[in-house]
């Protein structure tokens, strides 16, 4: 078992692949309109905690912006940079 967890068996890049897939899903969902965490969870099938974690990374990367002054809900939407990435993702499929 320790062989499976060795540095040679798992690189940090390999461990990021599942997260990248989840972030891609979030970006695709936000490409159509702004959404709340609940909406993103419902449309992606991912738990809210996973959505929060990945949104935090996307906000820090400048791909998503958080709008929390609208009514009682917090909305997330893509920035211009995020929309360009969403178009690139769509084009690659």
PDB file of N, CA and C in Angstrom:
ATOM      1  N   UNK A   1       0.818  -1.190   0.000  1.00  0.00           N
ATOM      2  CA  UNK A   1       0.000   0.000   0.000  1.00  0.00           C
ATOM      3  C   UNK A   1       0.862   1.253   0.000  1.00  0.00           C
ATOM      4  N   UNK A   2       1.961   1.252   0.725  1.00  0.00           N
ATOM      5  CA  UNK A   2       2.809   2.440   0.754  1.00  0.00           C
ATOM      6  C   UNK A   2       3.394   2.730  -0.618  1.00  0.00           C
ATOM      7  N   UNK A   3       3.555   1.691  -1.457  1.00  0.00           N
ATOM      8  CA  UNK A   3       4.035   1.902  -2.825  1.00  0.00           C
ATOM      9  C   UNK A   3       3.052   2.738  -3.635  1.00  0.00           C
ATOM     10  N   UNK A   4       1.765   2.550  -3.383  1.00  0.00           N
ATOM     11  CA  UNK A   4       0.745   3.298  -4.105  1.00  0.00           C
ATOM     12  C   UNK A   4       0.766   4.776  -3.757  1.00  0.00           C
ATOM     13  N   UNK A   5       1.207   5.104  -2.561  1.00  0.00           N
ATOM     14  CA  UNK A   5       1.206   6.477  -2.104  1.00  0.00           C
ATOM     15  C   UNK A   5       2.583   7.138  -2.179  1.00  0.00           C
ATOM     16  N   UNK A   6       3.503   6.496  -2.838  1.00  0.00           N
ATOM     17  CA  UNK A   6       4.842   7.062  -2.945  1.00  0.00           C
ATOM     18  C   UNK A   6       4.831   8.287  -3.855  1.00  0.00           C
ATOM     19  N   UNK A   7       5.870   9.102  -3.733  1.00  0.00           N
ATOM     20  CA  UNK A   7       5.986  10.300  -4.559  1.00  0.00           C
ATOM     21  C   UNK A   7       6.015   9.954  -6.039  1.00  0.00           C
ATOM     22  N   UNK A   8       6.584   8.823  -6.365  1.00  0.00           N
ATOM     23  CA  UNK A   8       6.675   8.420  -7.778  1.00  0.00           C
ATOM     24  C   UNK A   8       5.318   8.008  -8.327  1.00  0.00           C
ATOM     25  N   UNK A   9       4.497   7.388  -7.478  1.00  0.00           N
ATOM     26  CA  UNK A   9       3.190   6.899  -7.930  1.00  0.00           C
ATOM     27  C   UNK A   9       2.186   8.029  -8.103  1.00  0.00           C
ATOM     28  N   UNK A  10       2.255   9.018  -7.228  1.00  0.00           N
ATOM     29  CA  UNK A  10       1.289  10.109  -7.270  1.00  0.00           C
ATOM     30  C   UNK A  10       2.020  11.443  -7.299  1.00  0.00           C
ATOM     31  N   UNK A  11       1.846  12.179  -8.354  1.00  0.00           N
ATOM     32  CA  UNK A  11       2.412  13.524  -8.383  1.00  0.00           C
ATOM     33  C   UNK A  11       1.333  14.516  -7.987  1.00  0.00           C
ATOM     34  N   UNK A  12       1.730  15.714  -7.646  1.00  0.00           N
ATOM     35  CA  UNK A  12       0.739  16.717  -7.271  1.00  0.00           C
ATOM     36  C   UNK A  12      -0.172  17.041  -8.447  1.00  0.00           C
ATOM     37  N   UNK A  13       0.357  16.953  -9.657  1.00  0.00           N
ATOM     38  CA  UNK A  13      -0.474  17.218 -10.840  1.00  0.00           C
ATOM     39  C   UNK A  13      -1.547  16.149 -10.989  1.00  0.00           C
ATOM     40  N   UNK A  14      -1.190  14.913 -10.745  1.00  0.00           N
ATOM     41  CA  UNK A  14      -2.169  13.831 -10.871  1.00  0.00           C
ATOM     42  C   UNK A  14      -3.283  13.977  -9.851  1.00  0.00           C
ATOM     43  N   UNK A  15      -2.945  14.472  -8.671  1.00  0.00           N
ATOM     44  CA  UNK A  15      -3.955  14.648  -7.635  1.00  0.00           C
ATOM     45  C   UNK A  15      -4.901  15.797  -7.933  1.00  0.00           C
ATOM     46  N   UNK A  16      -4.492  16.727  -8.785  1.00  0.00           N
ATOM     47  CA  UNK A  16      -5.323  17.883  -9.114  1.00  0.00           C
ATOM     48  C   UNK A  16      -6.313  17.596 -10.238  1.00  0.00           C
ATOM     49  N   UNK A  17      -6.157  16.488 -10.945  1.00  0.00           N
ATOM     50  CA  UNK A  17      -7.027  16.191 -12.090  1.00  0.00           C
ATOM     51  C   UNK A  17      -8.505  16.131 -11.708  1.00  0.00           C
ATOM     52  N   UNK A  18      -8.899  15.425 -10.635  1.00  0.00           N
ATOM     53  CA  UNK A  18     -10.327  15.423 -10.280  1.00  0.00           C
ATOM     54  C   UNK A  18     -10.851  16.819  -9.957  1.00  0.00           C
ATOM     55  N   UNK A  19     -10.067  17.626  -9.268  1.00  0.00           N
ATOM     56  CA  UNK A  19     -10.489  18.990  -8.946  1.00  0.00           C
ATOM     57  C   UNK A  19     -10.653  19.813 -10.210  1.00  0.00           C
ATOM     58  N   UNK A  20      -9.766  19.614 -11.164  1.00  0.00           N
ATOM     59  CA  UNK A  20      -9.855  20.345 -12.428  1.00  0.00           C
ATOM     60  C   UNK A  20     -11.156  20.010 -13.141  1.00  0.00           C
ATOM     61  N   UNK A  21     -11.527  18.750 -13.128  1.00  0.00           N
ATOM     62  CA  UNK A  21     -12.776  18.327 -13.754  1.00  0.00           C
ATOM     63  C   UNK A  21     -13.983  18.991 -13.084  1.00  0.00           C
ATOM     64  N   UNK A  22     -13.952  19.101 -11.762  1.00  0.00           N
ATOM     65  CA  UNK A  22     -15.051  19.734 -11.026  1.00  0.00           C
ATOM     66  C   UNK A  22     -15.106  21.226 -11.332  1.00  0.00           C
ATOM     67  N   UNK A  23     -13.947  21.855 -11.415  1.00  0.00           N
ATOM     68  CA  UNK A  23     -13.909  23.286 -11.735  1.00  0.00           C
ATOM     69  C   UNK A  23     -14.388  23.541 -13.149  1.00  0.00           C
ATOM     70  N   UNK A  24     -14.046  22.652 -14.051  1.00  0.00           N
ATOM     71  CA  UNK A  24     -14.523  22.773 -15.433  1.00  0.00           C
ATOM     72  C   UNK A  24     -16.042  22.683 -15.471  1.00  0.00           C
ATOM     73  N   UNK A  25     -16.609  21.779 -14.701  1.00  0.00           N
ATOM     74  CA  UNK A  25     -18.065  21.639 -14.622  1.00  0.00           C
ATOM     75  C   UNK A  25     -18.696  22.926 -14.092  1.00  0.00           C
ATOM     76  N   UNK A  26     -18.107  23.511 -13.061  1.00  0.00           N
ATOM     77  CA  UNK A  26     -18.620  24.754 -12.495  1.00  0.00           C
ATOM     78  C   UNK A  26     -18.543  25.872 -13.522  1.00  0.00           C
ATOM     79  N   UNK A  27     -17.440  25.969 -14.219  1.00  0.00           N
ATOM     80  CA  UNK A  27     -17.278  27.009 -15.246  1.00  0.00           C
ATOM     81  C   UNK A  27     -18.310  26.839 -16.349  1.00  0.00           C
ATOM     82  N   UNK A  28     -18.527  25.611 -16.780  1.00  0.00           N
ATOM     83  CA  UNK A  28     -19.548  25.359 -17.814  1.00  0.00           C
ATOM     84  C   UNK A  28     -20.923  25.804 -17.337  1.00  0.00           C
ATOM     85  N   UNK A  29     -21.263  25.474 -16.096  1.00  0.00           N
ATOM     86  CA  UNK A  29     -22.574  25.854 -15.568  1.00  0.00           C
ATOM     87  C   UNK A  29     -22.727  27.369 -15.462  1.00  0.00           C
ATOM     88  N   UNK A  30     -21.669  28.045 -15.072  1.00  0.00           N
ATOM     89  CA  UNK A  30     -21.737  29.499 -14.932  1.00  0.00           C
ATOM     90  C   UNK A  30     -21.666  30.230 -16.266  1.00  0.00           C
ATOM     91  N   UNK A  31     -21.323  29.524 -17.325  1.00  0.00           N
ATOM     92  CA  UNK A  31     -21.211  30.190 -18.631  1.00  0.00           C
ATOM     93  C   UNK A  31     -22.566  30.642 -19.168  1.00  0.00           C
ATOM     94  N   UNK A  32     -23.638  30.025 -18.703  1.00  0.00           N
ATOM     95  CA  UNK A  32     -24.970  30.397 -19.191  1.00  0.00           C
ATOM     96  C   UNK A  32     -25.586  31.545 -18.386  1.00  0.00           C
ATOM     97  N   UNK A  33     -25.307  31.562 -17.072  1.00  0.00           N
ATOM     98  CA  UNK A  33     -25.864  32.617 -16.217  1.00  0.00           C
ATOM     99  C   UNK A  33     -25.225  32.526 -14.837  1.00  0.00           C
ATOM    100  N   UNK A  34     -25.437  33.566 -14.034  1.00  0.00           N
ATOM    101  CA  UNK A  34     -24.939  33.531 -12.665  1.00  0.00           C
ATOM    102  C   UNK A  34     -25.789  32.561 -11.855  1.00  0.00           C
ATOM    103  N   UNK A  35     -25.184  31.960 -10.822  1.00  0.00           N
ATOM    104  CA  UNK A  35     -25.883  30.962 -10.023  1.00  0.00           C
ATOM    105  C   UNK A  35     -25.461  31.043  -8.569  1.00  0.00           C
ATOM    106  N   UNK A  36     -26.323  30.507  -7.712  1.00  0.00           N
ATOM    107  CA  UNK A  36     -25.989  30.347  -6.298  1.00  0.00           C
ATOM    108  C   UNK A  36     -25.280  29.001  -6.122  1.00  0.00           C
ATOM    109  N   UNK A  37     -24.721  28.792  -4.943  1.00  0.00           N
ATOM    110  CA  UNK A  37     -24.073  27.512  -4.645  1.00  0.00           C
ATOM    111  C   UNK A  37     -25.090  26.375  -4.725  1.00  0.00           C
ATOM    112  N   UNK A  38     -26.290  26.623  -4.236  1.00  0.00           N
ATOM    113  CA  UNK A  38     -27.335  25.598  -4.289  1.00  0.00           C
ATOM    114  C   UNK A  38     -27.654  25.217  -5.732  1.00  0.00           C
ATOM    115  N   UNK A  39     -27.779  26.204  -6.614  1.00  0.00           N
ATOM    116  CA  UNK A  39     -28.057  25.916  -8.026  1.00  0.00           C
ATOM    117  C   UNK A  39     -26.905  25.147  -8.659  1.00  0.00           C
ATOM    118  N   UNK A  40     -25.685  25.563  -8.357  1.00  0.00           N
ATOM    119  CA  UNK A  40     -24.520  24.870  -8.908  1.00  0.00           C
ATOM    120  C   UNK A  40     -24.452  23.430  -8.411  1.00  0.00           C
ATOM    121  N   UNK A  41     -24.783  23.223  -7.156  1.00  0.00           N
ATOM    122  CA  UNK A  41     -24.789  21.877  -6.598  1.00  0.00           C
ATOM    123  C   UNK A  41     -25.841  21.011  -7.286  1.00  0.00           C
ATOM    124  N   UNK A  42     -27.010  21.587  -7.471  1.00  0.00           N
ATOM    125  CA  UNK A  42     -28.109  20.846  -8.101  1.00  0.00           C
ATOM    126  C   UNK A  42     -27.791  20.488  -9.555  1.00  0.00           C
ATOM    127  N   UNK A  43     -27.249  21.446 -10.311  1.00  0.00           N
ATOM    128  CA  UNK A  43     -27.004  21.198 -11.738  1.00  0.00           C
ATOM    129  C   UNK A  43     -25.782  20.313 -11.986  1.00  0.00           C
ATOM    130  N   UNK A  44     -24.823  20.336 -11.064  1.00  0.00           N
ATOM    131  CA  UNK A  44     -23.607  19.548 -11.269  1.00  0.00           C
ATOM    132  C   UNK A  44     -23.633  18.197 -10.567  1.00  0.00           C
ATOM    133  N   UNK A  45     -24.503  18.071  -9.568  1.00  0.00           N
ATOM    134  CA  UNK A  45     -24.544  16.839  -8.802  1.00  0.00           C
ATOM    135  C   UNK A  45     -23.425  16.745  -7.766  1.00  0.00           C
ATOM    136  N   UNK A  46     -22.743  17.854  -7.528  1.00  0.00           N
ATOM    137  CA  UNK A  46     -21.651  17.888  -6.550  1.00  0.00           C
ATOM    138  C   UNK A  46     -22.158  18.436  -5.220  1.00  0.00           C
ATOM    139  N   UNK A  47     -21.583  17.982  -4.116  1.00  0.00           N
ATOM    140  CA  UNK A  47     -21.990  18.521  -2.809  1.00  0.00           C
ATOM    141  C   UNK A  47     -21.653  20.007  -2.690  1.00  0.00           C
ATOM    142  N   UNK A  48     -22.422  20.715  -1.881  1.00  0.00           N
ATOM    143  CA  UNK A  48     -22.192  22.153  -1.693  1.00  0.00           C
ATOM    144  C   UNK A  48     -20.786  22.441  -1.182  1.00  0.00           C
ATOM    145  N   UNK A  49     -20.267  21.590  -0.317  1.00  0.00           N
ATOM    146  CA  UNK A  49     -18.921  21.808   0.224  1.00  0.00           C
ATOM    147  C   UNK A  49     -17.872  21.763  -0.891  1.00  0.00           C
ATOM    148  N   UNK A  50     -18.061  20.878  -1.837  1.00  0.00           N
ATOM    149  CA  UNK A  50     -17.146  20.782  -2.981  1.00  0.00           C
ATOM    150  C   UNK A  50     -17.266  22.020  -3.851  1.00  0.00           C
ATOM    151  N   UNK A  51     -18.492  22.482  -4.051  1.00  0.00           N
ATOM    152  CA  UNK A  51     -18.722  23.694  -4.840  1.00  0.00           C
ATOM    153  C   UNK A  51     -18.029  24.877  -4.172  1.00  0.00           C
ATOM    154  N   UNK A  52     -18.221  25.047  -2.861  1.00  0.00           N
ATOM    155  CA  UNK A  52     -17.585  26.145  -2.126  1.00  0.00           C
ATOM    156  C   UNK A  52     -16.066  26.102  -2.274  1.00  0.00           C
ATOM    157  N   UNK A  53     -15.490  24.930  -2.059  1.00  0.00           N
ATOM    158  CA  UNK A  53     -14.033  24.798  -2.140  1.00  0.00           C
ATOM    159  C   UNK A  53     -13.504  25.189  -3.511  1.00  0.00           C
ATOM    160  N   UNK A  54     -14.162  24.714  -4.553  1.00  0.00           N
ATOM    161  CA  UNK A  54     -13.699  24.989  -5.907  1.00  0.00           C
ATOM    162  C   UNK A  54     -13.996  26.424  -6.336  1.00  0.00           C
ATOM    163  N   UNK A  55     -15.101  26.985  -5.880  1.00  0.00           N
ATOM    164  CA  UNK A  55     -15.390  28.391  -6.169  1.00  0.00           C
ATOM    165  C   UNK A  55     -14.332  29.296  -5.553  1.00  0.00           C
ATOM    166  N   UNK A  56     -13.865  28.938  -4.376  1.00  0.00           N
ATOM    167  CA  UNK A  56     -12.819  29.717  -3.718  1.00  0.00           C
ATOM    168  C   UNK A  56     -11.564  29.786  -4.589  1.00  0.00           C
ATOM    169  N   UNK A  57     -11.196  28.677  -5.165  1.00  0.00           N
ATOM    170  CA  UNK A  57     -10.035  28.619  -6.054  1.00  0.00           C
ATOM    171  C   UNK A  57     -10.289  29.449  -7.314  1.00  0.00           C
ATOM    172  N   UNK A  58     -11.484  29.331  -7.870  1.00  0.00           N
ATOM    173  CA  UNK A  58     -11.815  30.058  -9.103  1.00  0.00           C
ATOM    174  C   UNK A  58     -11.881  31.564  -8.867  1.00  0.00           C
ATOM    175  N   UNK A  59     -12.360  31.983  -7.699  1.00  0.00           N
ATOM    176  CA  UNK A  59     -12.392  33.406  -7.363  1.00  0.00           C
ATOM    177  C   UNK A  59     -10.967  33.933  -7.230  1.00  0.00           C
ATOM    178  N   UNK A  60     -10.111  33.197  -6.535  1.00  0.00           N
ATOM    179  CA  UNK A  60      -8.718  33.605  -6.369  1.00  0.00           C
ATOM    180  C   UNK A  60      -7.986  33.687  -7.709  1.00  0.00           C
ATOM    181  N   UNK A  61      -8.385  32.847  -8.654  1.00  0.00           N
ATOM    182  CA  UNK A  61      -7.762  32.840  -9.981  1.00  0.00           C
ATOM    183  C   UNK A  61      -8.309  33.946 -10.877  1.00  0.00           C
ATOM    184  N   UNK A  62      -9.330  34.656 -10.414  1.00  0.00           N
ATOM    185  CA  UNK A  62      -9.903  35.735 -11.211  1.00  0.00           C
ATOM    186  C   UNK A  62     -10.836  35.260 -12.311  1.00  0.00           C
ATOM    187  N   UNK A  63     -11.337  34.039 -12.184  1.00  0.00           N
ATOM    188  CA  UNK A  63     -12.245  33.483 -13.194  1.00  0.00           C
ATOM    189  C   UNK A  63     -13.709  33.666 -12.813  1.00  0.00           C
ATOM    190  N   UNK A  64     -13.974  33.810 -11.525  1.00  0.00           N
ATOM    191  CA  UNK A  64     -15.337  33.938 -11.008  1.00  0.00           C
ATOM    192  C   UNK A  64     -15.362  35.099 -10.027  1.00  0.00           C
ATOM    193  N   UNK A  65     -16.492  35.784  -9.993  1.00  0.00           N
ATOM    194  CA  UNK A  65     -16.684  36.864  -9.025  1.00  0.00           C
ATOM    195  C   UNK A  65     -17.913  36.533  -8.185  1.00  0.00           C
ATOM    196  N   UNK A  66     -17.835  36.918  -6.912  1.00  0.00           N
ATOM    197  CA  UNK A  66     -18.913  36.661  -5.958  1.00  0.00           C
ATOM    198  C   UNK A  66     -19.719  37.939  -5.776  1.00  0.00           C
ATOM    199  N   UNK A  67     -21.045  37.830  -5.935  1.00  0.00           N
ATOM    200  CA  UNK A  67     -21.950  38.961  -5.720  1.00  0.00           C
ATOM    201  C   UNK A  67     -22.815  38.647  -4.510  1.00  0.00           C
ATOM    202  N   UNK A  68     -22.593  39.343  -3.411  1.00  0.00           N
ATOM    203  CA  UNK A  68     -23.351  39.028  -2.208  1.00  0.00           C
ATOM    204  C   UNK A  68     -24.252  40.155  -1.740  1.00  0.00           C
ATOM    205  N   UNK A  69     -24.529  41.109  -2.574  1.00  0.00           N
ATOM    206  CA  UNK A  69     -25.383  42.226  -2.166  1.00  0.00           C
ATOM    207  C   UNK A  69     -26.743  42.189  -2.841  1.00  0.00           C
ATOM    208  N   UNK A  70     -27.092  41.078  -3.422  1.00  0.00           N
ATOM    209  CA  UNK A  70     -28.359  40.948  -4.127  1.00  0.00           C
ATOM    210  C   UNK A  70     -29.307  40.126  -3.251  1.00  0.00           C
ATOM    211  N   UNK A  71     -30.340  40.792  -2.731  1.00  0.00           N
ATOM    212  CA  UNK A  71     -31.317  40.126  -1.860  1.00  0.00           C
ATOM    213  C   UNK A  71     -30.615  39.372  -0.741  1.00  0.00           C
ATOM    214  N   UNK A  72     -31.042  38.157  -0.490  1.00  0.00           N
ATOM    215  CA  UNK A  72     -30.438  37.350   0.561  1.00  0.00           C
ATOM    216  C   UNK A  72     -29.520  36.271   0.008  1.00  0.00           C
ATOM    217  N   UNK A  73     -29.442  36.149  -1.322  1.00  0.00           N
ATOM    218  CA  UNK A  73     -28.646  35.108  -1.940  1.00  0.00           C
ATOM    219  C   UNK A  73     -27.278  35.621  -2.371  1.00  0.00           C
ATOM    220  N   UNK A  74     -26.331  34.706  -2.399  1.00  0.00           N
ATOM    221  CA  UNK A  74     -24.992  35.011  -2.898  1.00  0.00           C
ATOM    222  C   UNK A  74     -24.875  34.362  -4.270  1.00  0.00           C
ATOM    223  N   UNK A  75     -24.590  35.182  -5.268  1.00  0.00           N
ATOM    224  CA  UNK A  75     -24.455  34.689  -6.627  1.00  0.00           C
ATOM    225  C   UNK A  75     -22.994  34.678  -7.052  1.00  0.00           C
ATOM    226  N   UNK A  76     -22.671  33.747  -7.926  1.00  0.00           N
ATOM    227  CA  UNK A  76     -21.354  33.660  -8.526  1.00  0.00           C
ATOM    228  C   UNK A  76     -21.525  33.765 -10.030  1.00  0.00           C
ATOM    229  N   UNK A  77     -20.613  34.493 -10.659  1.00  0.00           N
ATOM    230  CA  UNK A  77     -20.654  34.586 -12.115  1.00  0.00           C
ATOM    231  C   UNK A  77     -19.247  34.667 -12.670  1.00  0.00           C
ATOM    232  N   UNK A  78     -19.120  34.316 -13.928  1.00  0.00           N
ATOM    233  CA  UNK A  78     -17.816  34.340 -14.579  1.00  0.00           C
ATOM    234  C   UNK A  78     -17.378  35.772 -14.858  1.00  0.00           C
ATOM    235  N   UNK A  79     -16.088  35.994 -14.757  1.00  0.00           N
ATOM    236  CA  UNK A  79     -15.496  37.261 -15.184  1.00  0.00           C
ATOM    237  C   UNK A  79     -15.261  37.163 -16.695  1.00  0.00           C
ATOM    238  N   UNK A  80     -14.748  38.221 -17.303  1.00  0.00           N
ATOM    239  CA  UNK A  80     -14.416  38.158 -18.728  1.00  0.00           C
ATOM    240  C   UNK A  80     -13.407  37.052 -18.989  1.00  0.00           C
ATOM    241  N   UNK A  81     -12.424  36.958 -18.111  1.00  0.00           N
ATOM    242  CA  UNK A  81     -11.410  35.904 -18.215  1.00  0.00           C
ATOM    243  C   UNK A  81     -12.074  34.526 -18.104  1.00  0.00           C
ATOM    244  N   UNK A  82     -13.025  34.392 -17.195  1.00  0.00           N
ATOM    245  CA  UNK A  82     -13.757  33.145 -17.027  1.00  0.00           C
ATOM    246  C   UNK A  82     -14.580  32.783 -18.253  1.00  0.00           C
ATOM    247  N   UNK A  83     -15.204  33.792 -18.876  1.00  0.00           N
ATOM    248  CA  UNK A  83     -15.978  33.536 -20.098  1.00  0.00           C
ATOM    249  C   UNK A  83     -15.077  33.080 -21.241  1.00  0.00           C
ATOM    250  N   UNK A  84     -13.880  33.665 -21.330  1.00  0.00           N
ATOM    251  CA  UNK A  84     -12.935  33.230 -22.372  1.00  0.00           C
ATOM    252  C   UNK A  84     -12.533  31.771 -22.154  1.00  0.00           C
ATOM    253  N   UNK A  85     -12.304  31.410 -20.901  1.00  0.00           N
ATOM    254  CA  UNK A  85     -11.962  30.024 -20.590  1.00  0.00           C
ATOM    255  C   UNK A  85     -13.134  29.098 -20.899  1.00  0.00           C
ATOM    256  N   UNK A  86     -14.349  29.512 -20.579  1.00  0.00           N
ATOM    257  CA  UNK A  86     -15.538  28.696 -20.865  1.00  0.00           C
ATOM    258  C   UNK A  86     -15.671  28.449 -22.362  1.00  0.00           C
ATOM    259  N   UNK A  87     -15.409  29.481 -23.167  1.00  0.00           N
ATOM    260  CA  UNK A  87     -15.465  29.304 -24.615  1.00  0.00           C
ATOM    261  C   UNK A  87     -14.401  28.321 -25.101  1.00  0.00           C
ATOM    262  N   UNK A  88     -13.214  28.395 -24.515  1.00  0.00           N
ATOM    263  CA  UNK A  88     -12.145  27.479 -24.875  1.00  0.00           C
ATOM    264  C   UNK A  88     -12.500  26.037 -24.495  1.00  0.00           C
ATOM    265  N   UNK A  89     -13.139  25.875 -23.347  1.00  0.00           N
ATOM    266  CA  UNK A  89     -13.571  24.542 -22.904  1.00  0.00           C
ATOM    267  C   UNK A  89     -14.611  23.995 -23.863  1.00  0.00           C
ATOM    268  N   UNK A  90     -15.575  24.825 -24.246  1.00  0.00           N
ATOM    269  CA  UNK A  90     -16.612  24.390 -25.190  1.00  0.00           C
ATOM    270  C   UNK A  90     -16.010  24.017 -26.538  1.00  0.00           C
ATOM    271  N   UNK A  91     -15.046  24.791 -27.000  1.00  0.00           N
ATOM    272  CA  UNK A  91     -14.409  24.550 -28.299  1.00  0.00           C
ATOM    273  C   UNK A  91     -13.595  23.253 -28.292  1.00  0.00           C
ATOM    274  N   UNK A  92     -13.065  22.882 -27.138  1.00  0.00           N
ATOM    275  CA  UNK A  92     -12.227  21.684 -27.065  1.00  0.00           C
ATOM    276  C   UNK A  92     -13.032  20.393 -27.020  1.00  0.00           C
ATOM    277  N   UNK A  93     -14.334  20.513 -26.800  1.00  0.00           N
ATOM    278  CA  UNK A  93     -15.179  19.306 -26.731  1.00  0.00           C
ATOM    279  C   UNK A  93     -15.805  19.035 -28.021  1.00  0.00           C
TER     280      UNK A  93
END
